[in-house]
C-alpha cells in the first residue's frame, strides 16, 4: 500500500468566536491544523436557521489509493452563554458536498456529512496509485460547513460561539478477514486445538461453538457475569459490528490534548467524573502539576491542562472512554474490528503483532529533552513496543531530565514510531496496522467490545454517540445501546482489552491475543482507547476504493 507512515496526528483542534466574522489563534496539532475560524452567511429565512462555519485546514501524510484513504472527522460545539456551556452542533444537510458547504480552495478535497448530521468527513476526492511526499499534505483555505443553529438557540438572532474539533481517521473497507491465529493466547480459532482463526466472510449472523468452524476460547479468565465459557454455543447477531462492513477508525489513540479539550467543554459535575485524577476514577489523585506514570493532565476544574498534548491519554475506564466517544459522535469498536484494522485481508501469521510480523525491536531513548511533540528515538528505527517486556522497562532522556519519578514508565506520544522510519517505508518500521492505524500494538490498551459477552452481543448494534453526554453520574455516556449505565456501574462491563499497554509482556501486544474478559470498570494507568464510526450505506460507494483498472 502506498502511504507515508510519518507522524500525522495532533490534539483535537478547537477555535472559538462570536457569531459574525472573526479570527482565532491557531490550534497546533501533530500536523492537523484548523485555523482562522469565522462564522458567515447566517440564514434567517428558514424555520431551522443555519450559519456557515468557515475555517482553514491542513494535515500531513494524507492519502487515497485503491485500498483505502484517511480523512478528518470534524464536529462542532456551540455555546449560547458566552462559553460557559457547550452543546453539540449538527450539520444542516447530508451527503457529498451538501448545499451550503465547500471544500474551500483545494478542489481535490470533498466533504461528506453522514445521515445523523453530527459532523462531517473531509477527505481527498481523487484516487492516486502512489503518492509522493510532496503530494501527501492536504491543505485548504475557507472550508465551509453549514451549522443548524436554530435547533439549539430557538432564536434567529442569538449570539453564539463555535468550536471546531478535528480527529484524524482511517477508512477500513468492506471485506473478508481472519480473526485469530494459532499462537496467541485465547485467540479465536477454528477448533479447540486451532489450525487457523475465524474467517469472517460476510456480515451475517455468526454461529459459535462446537459443530461450527468458529470456536470460542476463554481459558485465561474465569468467566464472569455474562461472559461465555470455553466451548459454549452462541450466536453473534449481524447488527453487532463484525468488521466485515466498512468503518472509519481513529488513526491514533486518544491523546491527553484531546481529553483535556473534552473535559474543558463539560460542566464541573461531569469533569469530576471523567478527570483521570479526581481521586475517584481508579488512578488516584495528584496535586498541582505532578506527573503520574507520564500522564501530565492537571487541574480538577476548568481550565484543566496538559503539558504533553500529543501523548496517549491513560487512566481511562471503559465508561470514561465511552463518554468521550459519545461526545465526539463516534462509538466503541468491537474486538473483531480491532483485528480487521490490524491484519487487513491477509492470512494470519502465528503470534504476529499489528505490523504483520512476529518479531519486534525495543528502543527506549528519546532524541531530545524535554519532550515537546517532535521527539523521536535515537537508538534505531523501531518496529515495536513502547516499553519492552518487564518491570525493568524504562524510558531514558526525554522528560526524565525533570525527575525519574513517574516519568520513566508510561505511554509515549502518538505516532512516535512512525517518525523513526523513512516516508513510505511500510508497516513494519512504522509499527502500523494494515490500513494505516498507529499503535494498535503497545502504548496503551485498546478497550473494545467483547464478542464473548452476552450483554454486548445482544445489546450493542453499532449506534453512534450523538454528541451529548449526561452531566451527572459516573458513566456519563447517554447511549442506551452501549450496554447501559447500570451494567457498567455494577462492575460487569461488556468491554475487554486488546493490543497491550506500556506495562504488558510482549505476548499481549499480539494482534490476536485476547484479554476479553478483563473488565475495565475502573481506570488504570495503562488503559486508553480510540473510537470508530460506521460508514453510511449511502456513502460507501463514494467513500470506498475502486480496484485498479
Protein backbone atom coordinates (compact mmCIF):
# COMPACT_ATOMS: atom_id res chain seq x y z
CA UNK A 1 0.00 0.00 0.00
CA UNK A 2 1.40 3.39 -0.94
CA UNK A 3 1.34 5.71 2.01
CA UNK A 4 3.72 7.50 4.31
CA UNK A 5 3.73 6.33 7.91
CA UNK A 6 5.01 9.62 9.27
CA UNK A 7 3.57 11.48 12.24
CA UNK A 8 0.18 12.87 11.20
CA UNK A 9 -1.76 13.43 14.39
CA UNK A 10 -2.24 16.20 16.89
CA UNK A 11 -4.66 17.24 19.56
CA UNK A 12 -8.29 17.94 18.78
CA UNK A 13 -8.21 21.38 17.23
CA UNK A 14 -10.62 23.98 18.53
CA UNK A 15 -11.34 27.61 17.80
CA UNK A 16 -13.91 29.93 19.29
CA UNK A 17 -15.52 33.17 18.16
CA UNK A 18 -18.72 35.14 18.26
CA UNK A 19 -21.30 34.83 15.52
CA UNK A 20 -20.05 37.05 12.74
CA UNK A 21 -16.68 37.44 11.09
CA UNK A 22 -13.71 36.93 13.37
CA UNK A 23 -10.41 35.20 13.90
CA UNK A 24 -8.98 32.69 16.34
CA UNK A 25 -5.50 31.66 17.40
CA UNK A 26 -4.08 28.59 15.62
CA UNK A 27 -4.66 25.24 17.32
CA UNK A 28 -1.44 23.31 16.71
CA UNK A 29 -1.70 19.62 16.33
CA UNK A 30 0.74 16.92 15.29
CA UNK A 31 0.29 18.38 11.84
CA UNK A 32 -3.50 18.59 11.89
CA UNK A 33 -4.16 22.32 11.91
CA UNK A 34 -7.52 24.12 11.99
CA UNK A 35 -7.18 27.89 11.96
CA UNK A 36 -8.90 31.16 11.02
CA UNK A 37 -12.37 30.12 12.09
CA UNK A 38 -15.19 32.52 11.32
CA UNK A 39 -18.98 32.46 11.06
CA UNK A 40 -20.52 33.60 7.80
CA UNK A 41 -23.81 33.73 5.89
CA UNK A 42 -26.48 33.38 8.54
CA UNK A 43 -29.78 32.18 7.04
CA UNK A 44 -32.74 33.68 8.90
CA UNK A 45 -35.38 32.68 6.37
CA UNK A 46 -35.89 29.02 7.21
CA UNK A 47 -37.63 27.57 10.25
CA UNK A 48 -34.44 25.80 11.23
CA UNK A 49 -31.91 28.57 10.71
CA UNK A 50 -28.30 27.96 9.67
CA UNK A 51 -24.93 29.65 9.69
CA UNK A 52 -21.80 28.84 7.68
CA UNK A 53 -18.74 27.90 9.76
CA UNK A 54 -15.59 28.73 7.80
CA UNK A 55 -12.02 27.68 8.60
CA UNK A 56 -8.67 26.71 7.10
CA UNK A 57 -7.41 23.15 7.46
CA UNK A 58 -4.22 21.24 6.72
CA UNK A 59 -2.81 17.86 7.67
CA UNK A 60 0.21 15.89 6.54
CA UNK A 61 0.76 12.46 5.02
CA UNK A 62 -2.76 12.07 3.73
CA UNK A 63 -3.55 9.50 1.06
CA UNK A 64 -6.25 7.95 -1.08
CA UNK A 65 -5.31 4.86 -3.06
CA UNK A 66 -7.05 1.78 -4.39
CA UNK A 67 -7.07 0.20 -0.91
CA UNK A 68 -8.26 2.94 1.40
CA UNK A 69 -7.84 6.55 2.49
CA UNK A 70 -7.61 8.79 5.51
CA UNK A 71 -9.96 11.62 6.49
CA UNK A 72 -10.55 14.20 9.21
CA UNK A 73 -13.72 13.89 11.27
CA UNK A 74 -14.93 17.41 12.03
CA UNK A 75 -17.54 18.12 14.70
CA UNK A 76 -18.80 21.39 16.17
CA UNK A 77 -19.60 22.53 19.69
CA UNK A 78 -21.82 25.57 20.25
CA UNK A 79 -22.26 27.92 23.21
CA UNK A 80 -25.11 30.39 23.68
CA UNK A 81 -23.92 31.74 27.04
CA UNK A 82 -20.53 33.13 26.17
CA UNK A 83 -18.60 29.87 26.52
CA UNK A 84 -19.82 28.59 29.89
CA UNK A 85 -21.87 25.72 28.45
CA UNK A 86 -21.21 23.82 25.22
CA UNK A 87 -23.61 21.63 23.27
CA UNK A 88 -23.20 19.61 20.10
CA UNK A 89 -23.93 21.35 16.80
CA UNK A 90 -25.43 19.34 13.96
CA UNK A 91 -24.96 19.94 10.25
CA UNK A 92 -27.82 21.28 8.14
CA UNK A 93 -27.83 18.76 5.28
CA UNK A 94 -26.34 15.35 4.47
CA UNK A 95 -24.41 13.79 1.61
CA UNK A 96 -21.39 14.68 -0.52
CA UNK A 97 -20.67 18.42 -0.60
CA UNK A 98 -24.20 19.28 0.57
CA UNK A 99 -25.79 22.67 -0.02
CA UNK A 100 -24.01 25.48 1.73
CA UNK A 101 -20.74 23.59 2.22
CA UNK A 102 -17.45 23.94 0.38
CA UNK A 103 -14.07 22.14 0.46
CA UNK A 104 -12.52 25.59 0.05
CA UNK A 105 -9.54 26.40 -2.10
CA UNK A 106 -8.48 22.77 -2.61
CA UNK A 107 -10.64 21.18 -5.29
CA UNK A 108 -9.17 17.78 -4.52
CA UNK A 109 -10.94 17.67 -1.17
CA UNK A 110 -14.54 16.70 -0.58
CA UNK A 111 -16.97 16.88 2.33
CA UNK A 112 -19.30 14.11 3.39
CA UNK A 113 -21.97 14.67 6.05
CA UNK A 114 -23.41 11.39 7.40
CA UNK A 115 -27.12 10.79 7.80
CA UNK A 116 -27.16 11.64 11.52
CA UNK A 117 -25.65 15.07 10.73
CA UNK A 118 -23.41 15.00 13.82
CA UNK A 119 -20.27 16.01 11.94
CA UNK A 120 -18.51 15.86 8.59
CA UNK A 121 -15.64 13.98 6.98
CA UNK A 122 -13.08 15.93 4.97
CA UNK A 123 -11.02 13.72 2.67
CA UNK A 124 -9.25 13.53 -0.67
CA UNK A 125 -11.54 13.35 -3.68
CA UNK A 126 -9.32 11.62 -6.23
CA UNK A 127 -7.55 8.28 -6.08
CA UNK A 128 -3.84 8.04 -6.81
CA UNK A 129 -1.91 4.82 -7.24
CA UNK A 130 1.13 6.25 -5.44
CA UNK A 131 1.65 9.43 -3.50
CA UNK A 132 4.96 11.23 -3.34
CA UNK A 133 5.94 13.01 -0.15
CA UNK A 134 5.17 16.34 -1.80
CA UNK A 135 1.62 15.20 -2.52
CA UNK A 136 0.78 13.98 0.95
CA UNK A 137 -0.04 17.29 2.63
CA UNK A 138 -3.67 18.32 2.27
CA UNK A 139 -4.48 21.94 2.87
CA UNK A 140 -7.36 24.21 2.04
CA UNK A 141 -8.48 27.72 2.87
CA UNK A 142 -12.05 28.80 3.51
CA UNK A 143 -13.57 25.36 4.04
CA UNK A 144 -17.26 25.80 4.81
CA UNK A 145 -19.71 23.69 6.82
CA UNK A 146 -23.34 24.62 7.42
CA UNK A 147 -24.39 24.53 11.07
CA UNK A 148 -28.03 24.16 12.11
CA UNK A 149 -28.01 26.65 15.00
CA UNK A 150 -31.74 27.39 15.32
CA UNK A 151 -32.46 23.95 16.81
CA UNK A 152 -30.02 24.88 19.61
CA UNK A 153 -30.99 28.51 20.20
CA UNK A 154 -34.60 28.73 19.03
CA UNK A 155 -33.68 32.26 18.04
CA UNK A 156 -32.64 33.57 14.63
CA UNK A 157 -30.73 36.44 16.24
CA UNK A 158 -28.95 34.56 19.03
CA UNK A 159 -25.28 35.23 19.61
CA UNK A 160 -23.22 32.04 19.64
CA UNK A 161 -19.67 30.80 19.97
CA UNK A 162 -18.46 27.82 17.97
CA UNK A 163 -15.60 25.36 18.45
CA UNK A 164 -14.28 23.27 15.54
CA UNK A 165 -12.80 19.93 16.60
CA UNK A 166 -10.94 17.56 14.29
CA UNK A 167 -9.83 13.91 14.63
CA UNK A 168 -7.80 12.04 12.01
CA UNK A 169 -9.47 8.82 10.86
CA UNK A 170 -8.64 5.87 8.61
CA UNK A 171 -11.15 4.20 6.30
CA UNK A 172 -11.37 0.41 6.79
CA UNK A 173 -13.04 -1.02 3.65
CA UNK A 174 -15.69 -3.71 3.34
CA UNK A 175 -14.28 -7.19 3.01
CA UNK A 176 -13.45 -10.58 4.46
CA UNK A 177 -10.70 -11.07 7.03
CA UNK A 178 -9.31 -13.51 9.59
CA UNK A 179 -9.61 -13.10 13.35
CA UNK A 180 -7.31 -15.25 15.46
CA UNK A 181 -4.07 -17.15 14.88
CA UNK A 182 -2.50 -20.41 16.06
CA UNK A 183 -0.12 -18.99 18.68
CA UNK A 184 -1.79 -16.17 20.60
CA UNK A 185 -3.47 -16.99 23.90
CA UNK A 186 -7.29 -17.19 23.87
CA UNK A 187 -7.30 -16.34 20.16
CA UNK A 188 -10.35 -17.03 18.04
CA UNK A 189 -9.87 -20.46 16.48
CA UNK A 190 -11.49 -22.98 14.17
CA UNK A 191 -11.44 -25.74 16.84
CA UNK A 192 -10.17 -26.32 20.41
CA UNK A 193 -6.68 -27.11 19.05
CA UNK A 194 -6.62 -24.40 16.39
CA UNK A 195 -5.25 -24.83 12.92
CA UNK A 196 -6.47 -21.38 11.85
CA UNK A 197 -8.56 -18.42 13.04
CA UNK A 198 -12.11 -17.35 12.29
CA UNK A 199 -12.83 -16.39 8.69
CA UNK A 200 -15.33 -13.53 8.63
CA UNK A 201 -16.65 -13.56 5.07
CA UNK A 202 -19.92 -11.63 5.41
CA UNK A 203 -21.99 -9.57 7.81
CA UNK A 204 -24.34 -12.48 8.53
CA UNK A 205 -25.02 -13.90 11.98
CA UNK A 206 -22.06 -15.90 13.29
CA UNK A 207 -22.69 -19.28 14.90
CA UNK A 208 -20.00 -20.00 17.50
CA UNK A 209 -19.20 -23.23 19.34
CA UNK A 210 -18.81 -26.97 18.82
CA UNK A 211 -20.09 -28.05 15.43
CA UNK A 212 -19.18 -24.78 13.73
CA UNK A 213 -15.92 -23.52 12.28
CA UNK A 214 -15.81 -20.76 14.91
CA UNK A 215 -14.64 -21.96 18.31
CA UNK A 216 -14.55 -19.71 21.36
CA UNK A 217 -11.65 -19.89 23.82
CA UNK A 218 -11.64 -18.03 27.12
CA UNK A 219 -9.37 -20.04 29.37
CA UNK A 220 -7.24 -17.30 30.91
CA UNK A 221 -10.03 -15.67 32.90
CA UNK A 222 -12.75 -17.29 34.96
CA UNK A 223 -15.93 -16.43 33.06
CA UNK A 224 -17.62 -13.59 34.91
CA UNK A 225 -21.13 -12.28 34.75
CA UNK A 226 -22.40 -12.57 31.18
CA UNK A 227 -19.05 -13.91 29.96
CA UNK A 228 -19.19 -17.10 27.90
CA UNK A 229 -17.01 -20.07 28.84
CA UNK A 230 -14.87 -22.26 26.58
CA UNK A 231 -16.72 -24.32 24.03
CA UNK A 232 -20.17 -22.83 24.68
CA UNK A 233 -22.53 -22.43 21.75
CA UNK A 234 -23.89 -18.96 20.99
CA UNK A 235 -24.65 -16.62 18.08
CA UNK A 236 -23.35 -13.17 17.30
CA UNK A 237 -26.13 -11.20 15.55
CA UNK A 238 -25.42 -9.31 12.35
CA UNK A 239 -26.27 -5.96 13.98
CA UNK A 240 -23.20 -6.38 16.17
CA UNK A 241 -20.31 -4.83 14.16
CA UNK A 242 -18.35 -7.83 12.91
CA UNK A 243 -15.68 -5.90 10.99
CA UNK A 244 -16.85 -7.02 7.56
CA UNK A 245 -18.73 -3.81 6.77
CA UNK A 246 -16.76 -0.58 6.23
CA UNK A 247 -15.98 1.77 9.09
CA UNK A 248 -13.69 4.63 9.98
CA UNK A 249 -11.27 4.20 12.91
CA UNK A 250 -9.19 6.83 14.68
CA UNK A 251 -5.69 6.88 13.22
CA UNK A 252 -4.26 7.24 16.74
CA UNK A 253 -5.18 6.59 20.32
CA UNK A 254 -6.91 9.44 22.13
CA UNK A 255 -4.35 11.95 23.34
CA UNK A 256 -4.07 14.00 26.50
CA UNK A 257 -4.77 17.10 24.44
CA UNK A 258 -7.99 15.65 23.08
CA UNK A 259 -9.04 14.54 26.55
CA UNK A 260 -8.41 17.99 28.03
CA UNK A 261 -10.42 19.65 25.25
CA UNK A 262 -13.25 17.27 26.10
CA UNK A 263 -13.08 17.95 29.85
CA UNK A 264 -12.99 21.71 29.40
CA UNK A 265 -16.23 21.60 27.39
CA UNK A 266 -18.11 19.91 30.24
CA UNK A 267 -19.87 21.24 33.32
CA UNK A 268 -17.90 20.83 36.53
CA UNK A 269 -20.06 17.92 37.73
CA UNK A 270 -19.14 15.88 34.66
CA UNK A 271 -15.48 16.86 34.84
CA UNK A 272 -15.18 15.34 38.27
CA UNK A 273 -16.48 12.03 36.97
CA UNK A 274 -14.17 11.99 33.96
CA UNK A 275 -10.93 13.61 35.09
CA UNK A 276 -8.37 10.79 35.47
CA UNK A 277 -7.10 12.34 38.70
CA UNK A 278 -10.18 13.46 40.57
CA UNK A 279 -9.48 10.75 43.13
CA UNK A 280 -12.46 8.60 42.21
CA UNK A 281 -11.77 7.05 38.81
CA UNK A 282 -9.24 4.43 39.90
CA UNK A 283 -5.97 6.26 39.22
CA UNK A 284 -5.94 8.15 42.50
CA UNK A 285 -5.39 11.87 42.82
CA UNK A 286 -2.40 14.15 42.45
CA UNK A 287 -1.51 17.66 43.48
CA UNK A 288 -0.83 20.55 41.14
CA UNK A 289 1.14 19.67 38.02
CA UNK A 290 2.54 16.38 39.29
CA UNK A 291 3.10 13.61 36.73
CA UNK A 292 1.64 10.17 37.29
CA UNK A 293 3.00 7.35 35.09
CA UNK A 294 3.74 10.01 32.45
CA UNK A 295 0.14 11.30 32.49
CA UNK A 296 0.52 15.10 32.73
CA UNK A 297 -3.14 16.16 32.96
CA UNK A 298 -3.56 18.58 35.84
CA UNK A 299 -6.36 20.52 37.47
CA UNK A 300 -9.74 19.47 38.80
CA UNK A 301 -11.83 22.29 37.33
CA UNK A 302 -11.80 24.42 34.17
CA UNK A 303 -9.31 25.11 32.75
CA UNK A 304 -7.82 21.63 33.01
CA UNK A 305 -4.48 21.41 31.20
CA UNK A 306 -1.80 19.05 29.96
CA UNK A 307 1.93 19.51 29.49
CA UNK A 308 2.08 16.79 26.80
CA UNK A 309 -0.93 17.14 24.47
CA UNK A 310 0.45 14.60 21.95
CA UNK A 311 0.88 11.81 24.49
CA UNK A 312 -1.66 8.98 24.51
CA UNK A 313 -4.05 9.56 27.38
CA UNK A 314 -4.06 6.89 30.08
CA UNK A 315 -6.07 6.21 33.24
CA UNK A 316 -9.30 5.56 31.35
CA UNK A 317 -12.03 3.15 32.39
CA UNK A 318 -14.46 1.95 29.75
CA UNK A 319 -17.21 4.33 30.99
CA UNK A 320 -14.77 7.23 30.63
CA UNK A 321 -13.80 6.17 27.11
CA UNK A 322 -17.47 5.74 26.17
CA UNK A 323 -18.25 9.26 27.42
CA UNK A 324 -15.56 10.75 25.13
CA UNK A 325 -16.81 8.77 22.14
CA UNK A 326 -20.38 9.85 22.79
CA UNK A 327 -19.23 13.50 22.98
CA UNK A 328 -17.27 13.15 19.68
CA UNK A 329 -20.19 11.38 17.92
CA UNK A 330 -18.14 8.20 17.47
CA UNK A 331 -18.68 4.75 19.02
CA UNK A 332 -16.69 1.96 20.71
CA UNK A 333 -15.07 -0.62 18.44
CA UNK A 334 -15.54 -4.36 18.73
CA UNK A 335 -12.66 -6.77 19.12
CA UNK A 336 -13.37 -8.16 15.64
CA UNK A 337 -12.98 -4.66 14.20
CA UNK A 338 -9.69 -4.35 16.07
CA UNK A 339 -8.33 -7.45 14.32
CA UNK A 340 -9.64 -6.28 10.95
CA UNK A 341 -7.86 -2.92 11.14
CA UNK A 342 -4.62 -4.58 12.30
CA UNK A 343 -4.44 -7.56 9.92
CA UNK A 344 -6.46 -6.42 6.92
CA UNK A 345 -7.36 -9.18 4.43
CA UNK A 346 -4.11 -11.12 4.93
CA UNK A 347 -3.86 -14.64 6.33
CA UNK A 348 -2.80 -14.79 9.99
CA UNK A 349 0.85 -15.08 10.96
CA UNK A 350 1.33 -17.07 14.17
CA UNK A 351 1.95 -14.66 17.05
CA UNK A 352 2.03 -11.58 14.81
CA UNK A 353 1.90 -8.00 16.03
CA UNK A 354 -0.14 -5.25 14.40
CA UNK A 355 2.65 -4.54 11.87
CA UNK A 356 2.26 -8.06 10.43
CA UNK A 357 5.31 -9.94 11.75
CA UNK A 358 6.04 -11.95 14.91
CA UNK A 359 9.27 -10.05 15.61
CA UNK A 360 9.94 -6.73 17.29
CA UNK A 361 12.74 -4.42 18.35
CA UNK A 362 12.89 -2.40 21.54
CA UNK A 363 14.21 1.16 21.60
CA UNK A 364 13.81 3.43 24.59
CA UNK A 365 15.95 6.59 24.41
CA UNK A 366 14.37 9.86 23.32
CA UNK A 367 16.20 12.20 20.95
CA UNK A 368 15.57 15.40 22.91
CA UNK A 369 14.92 16.63 26.41
CA UNK A 370 12.35 17.64 27.39
CA UNK A 371 9.81 16.01 25.09
CA UNK A 372 7.92 18.57 23.01
CA UNK A 373 5.92 16.62 20.40
CA UNK A 374 8.81 16.33 17.92
CA UNK A 375 10.84 13.75 19.85
CA UNK A 376 11.97 10.55 18.14
CA UNK A 377 14.09 7.63 19.38
CA UNK A 378 17.84 7.79 18.88
CA UNK A 379 18.66 4.10 19.16
CA UNK A 380 17.35 2.95 15.83
CA UNK A 381 14.32 2.51 13.64
CA UNK A 382 11.92 0.60 15.78
CA UNK A 383 9.21 -1.79 14.80
CA UNK A 384 7.51 -2.13 18.01
CA UNK A 385 6.78 -1.95 21.64
CA UNK A 386 6.53 1.14 23.72
CA UNK A 387 8.45 -0.24 26.64
CA UNK A 388 9.81 -3.73 26.03
CA UNK A 389 8.59 -6.54 28.27
CA UNK A 390 9.06 -6.42 32.02
CA UNK A 391 9.25 -4.42 35.22
CA UNK A 392 12.70 -3.13 34.30
CA UNK A 393 11.43 -1.28 31.22
CA UNK A 394 12.32 2.39 31.26
CA UNK A 395 12.34 5.46 29.06
CA UNK A 396 15.62 7.37 29.01
CA UNK A 397 16.36 11.01 28.27
CA UNK A 398 13.22 12.98 27.32
CA UNK A 399 11.20 14.07 30.34
CA UNK A 400 13.35 12.03 32.69
CA UNK A 401 15.59 15.12 32.98
CA UNK A 402 12.98 16.57 35.35
CA UNK A 403 13.00 13.51 37.59
CA UNK A 404 12.79 9.75 37.26
CA UNK A 405 9.69 9.50 39.45
CA UNK A 406 6.66 8.69 37.27
CA UNK A 407 8.46 9.81 34.10
CA UNK A 408 10.32 6.66 33.07
CA UNK A 409 7.30 4.38 32.70
CA UNK A 410 4.09 5.15 30.83
CA UNK A 411 2.81 5.91 27.34
CA UNK A 412 4.56 7.94 24.63
CA UNK A 413 3.22 10.44 22.15
CA UNK A 414 1.09 9.01 19.38
CA UNK A 415 2.84 8.49 16.05
CA UNK A 416 6.26 8.26 17.72
CA UNK A 417 7.29 5.08 15.94
CA UNK A 418 6.22 6.25 12.52
CA UNK A 419 8.70 9.10 12.80
CA UNK A 420 11.56 6.62 13.08
CA UNK A 421 11.18 5.41 9.50
CA UNK A 422 11.61 7.00 6.11
CA UNK A 423 8.43 8.05 4.30
CA UNK A 424 6.69 5.18 2.54
CA UNK A 425 8.96 2.64 4.25
CA UNK A 426 5.98 0.44 5.03
CA UNK A 427 4.16 -1.04 8.01
CA UNK A 428 6.96 -2.79 9.85
CA UNK A 429 9.33 0.11 10.64
CA UNK A 430 6.33 2.31 11.45
CA UNK A 431 4.61 -0.27 13.64
CA UNK A 432 1.36 0.35 11.74
CA UNK A 433 -1.70 -1.77 11.14
CA UNK A 434 -2.53 -2.91 7.61
CA UNK A 435 -4.69 0.11 6.78
CA UNK A 436 -2.51 2.76 8.46
CA UNK A 437 -3.77 2.92 12.08
CA UNK A 438 -0.94 3.53 14.54
CA UNK A 439 -0.08 1.97 17.92
CA UNK A 440 -2.54 -0.92 17.71
CA UNK A 441 0.21 -2.90 19.42
CA UNK A 442 1.51 -1.14 22.50
CA UNK A 443 1.40 2.26 24.18
CA UNK A 444 -1.96 1.88 25.97
CA UNK A 445 -4.51 -0.92 25.97
CA UNK A 446 -7.30 -0.59 23.41
CA UNK A 447 -10.71 -1.09 25.01
CA UNK A 448 -13.14 -2.93 22.76
CA UNK A 449 -16.47 -4.71 22.99
CA UNK A 450 -16.11 -8.42 23.71
CA UNK A 451 -17.85 -10.91 21.43
CA UNK A 452 -17.98 -13.43 24.27
CA UNK A 453 -20.16 -11.23 26.44
CA UNK A 454 -23.88 -11.86 26.23
CA UNK A 455 -24.84 -8.26 27.05
CA UNK A 456 -22.53 -6.84 24.40
CA UNK A 457 -23.65 -9.04 21.53
CA UNK A 458 -27.36 -8.78 22.34
CA UNK A 459 -27.40 -5.04 23.10
CA UNK A 460 -24.79 -3.28 21.02
CA UNK A 461 -25.85 -2.52 17.45
CA UNK A 462 -23.24 -0.01 16.36
CA UNK A 463 -25.22 3.07 17.40
CA UNK A 464 -23.10 6.22 17.30
CA UNK A 465 -22.84 8.81 20.02
CA UNK A 466 -24.95 11.90 19.43
CA UNK A 467 -22.53 14.45 20.85
CA UNK A 468 -24.41 14.86 24.13
CA UNK A 469 -23.47 13.20 27.40
CA UNK A 470 -25.14 13.28 30.79
CA UNK A 471 -23.85 15.85 33.27
CA UNK A 472 -24.23 13.63 36.32
CA UNK A 473 -23.45 10.01 37.15
CA UNK A 474 -20.25 8.05 36.85
CA UNK A 475 -20.72 6.62 33.35
CA UNK A 476 -21.69 9.90 31.69
CA UNK A 477 -22.49 8.44 28.29
CA UNK A 478 -26.11 8.54 27.23
CA UNK A 479 -26.34 5.89 24.52
CA UNK A 480 -28.62 3.19 25.91
CA UNK A 481 -27.41 0.53 23.48
CA UNK A 482 -23.84 0.79 24.74
CA UNK A 483 -24.99 -1.81 27.31
CA UNK A 484 -26.42 0.69 29.77
CA UNK A 485 -25.10 2.64 32.72
CA UNK A 486 -26.41 0.19 35.30
CA UNK A 487 -24.41 -2.67 33.81
CA UNK A 488 -21.18 -0.68 33.85
CA UNK A 489 -21.67 0.57 37.38
CA UNK A 490 -22.39 -2.94 38.61
CA UNK A 491 -18.86 -3.90 37.54
CA UNK A 492 -19.92 -6.28 34.78
CA UNK A 493 -18.78 -4.15 31.88
CA UNK A 494 -19.05 -5.77 28.47
CA UNK A 495 -15.72 -4.43 27.28
CA UNK A 496 -12.36 -6.15 27.05
CA UNK A 497 -8.86 -5.07 26.06
CA UNK A 498 -6.65 -5.59 23.03
CA UNK A 499 -3.12 -4.75 21.90
CA UNK A 500 -1.32 -4.48 25.23
CA UNK A 501 -0.29 -1.49 27.29
CA UNK A 502 3.03 0.01 28.31
CA UNK A 503 3.28 -2.39 31.27
CA UNK A 504 2.43 -5.54 29.29
CA UNK A 505 4.59 -8.55 28.46
CA UNK A 506 5.31 -8.77 24.75
CA UNK A 507 2.81 -11.57 24.10
CA UNK A 508 -0.05 -9.20 24.91
CA UNK A 509 0.92 -6.91 22.04
CA UNK A 510 -0.12 -9.61 19.56
CA UNK A 511 -2.99 -8.86 17.18
CA UNK A 512 -4.97 -11.94 18.23
CA UNK A 513 -4.09 -12.15 21.93
CA UNK A 514 -7.37 -11.73 23.81
CA UNK A 515 -7.85 -10.15 27.22
CA UNK A 516 -11.54 -10.06 26.56
CA UNK A 517 -12.94 -10.86 29.98
CA UNK A 518 -10.76 -8.38 31.83
CA UNK A 519 -13.38 -5.91 33.00
CA UNK A 520 -12.32 -2.26 32.89
CA UNK A 521 -15.00 -0.63 35.02
CA UNK A 522 -12.35 1.45 36.83
CA UNK A 523 -9.40 3.37 35.41
CA UNK A 524 -5.85 2.02 35.13
CA UNK A 525 -2.71 3.88 34.11
CA UNK A 526 -2.14 1.58 31.14
CA UNK A 527 -5.65 1.79 29.64
CA UNK A 528 -6.64 4.19 26.85
CA UNK A 529 -8.58 3.75 23.65
CA UNK A 530 -9.81 5.04 20.33
CA UNK A 531 -13.16 5.29 18.58
CA UNK A 532 -14.69 4.23 15.29
CA UNK A 533 -17.63 5.21 13.13
CA UNK A 534 -19.69 3.02 10.79
CA UNK A 535 -19.76 4.16 7.16
CA UNK A 536 -23.20 5.17 5.92
CA UNK A 537 -24.69 2.83 3.34
CA UNK A 538 -25.32 5.88 1.16
CA UNK A 539 -21.64 6.87 1.43
CA UNK A 540 -20.00 3.51 0.82
CA UNK A 541 -19.74 3.91 -2.95
CA UNK A 542 -18.35 7.42 -2.64
CA UNK A 543 -16.01 6.60 0.24
CA UNK A 544 -14.89 3.15 -0.87
CA UNK A 545 -11.89 2.49 -3.06
CA UNK A 546 -12.21 1.06 -6.54
CA UNK A 547 -9.97 -1.74 -7.86
CA UNK A 548 -7.15 -0.77 -10.18
CA UNK A 549 -8.21 -0.66 -13.85
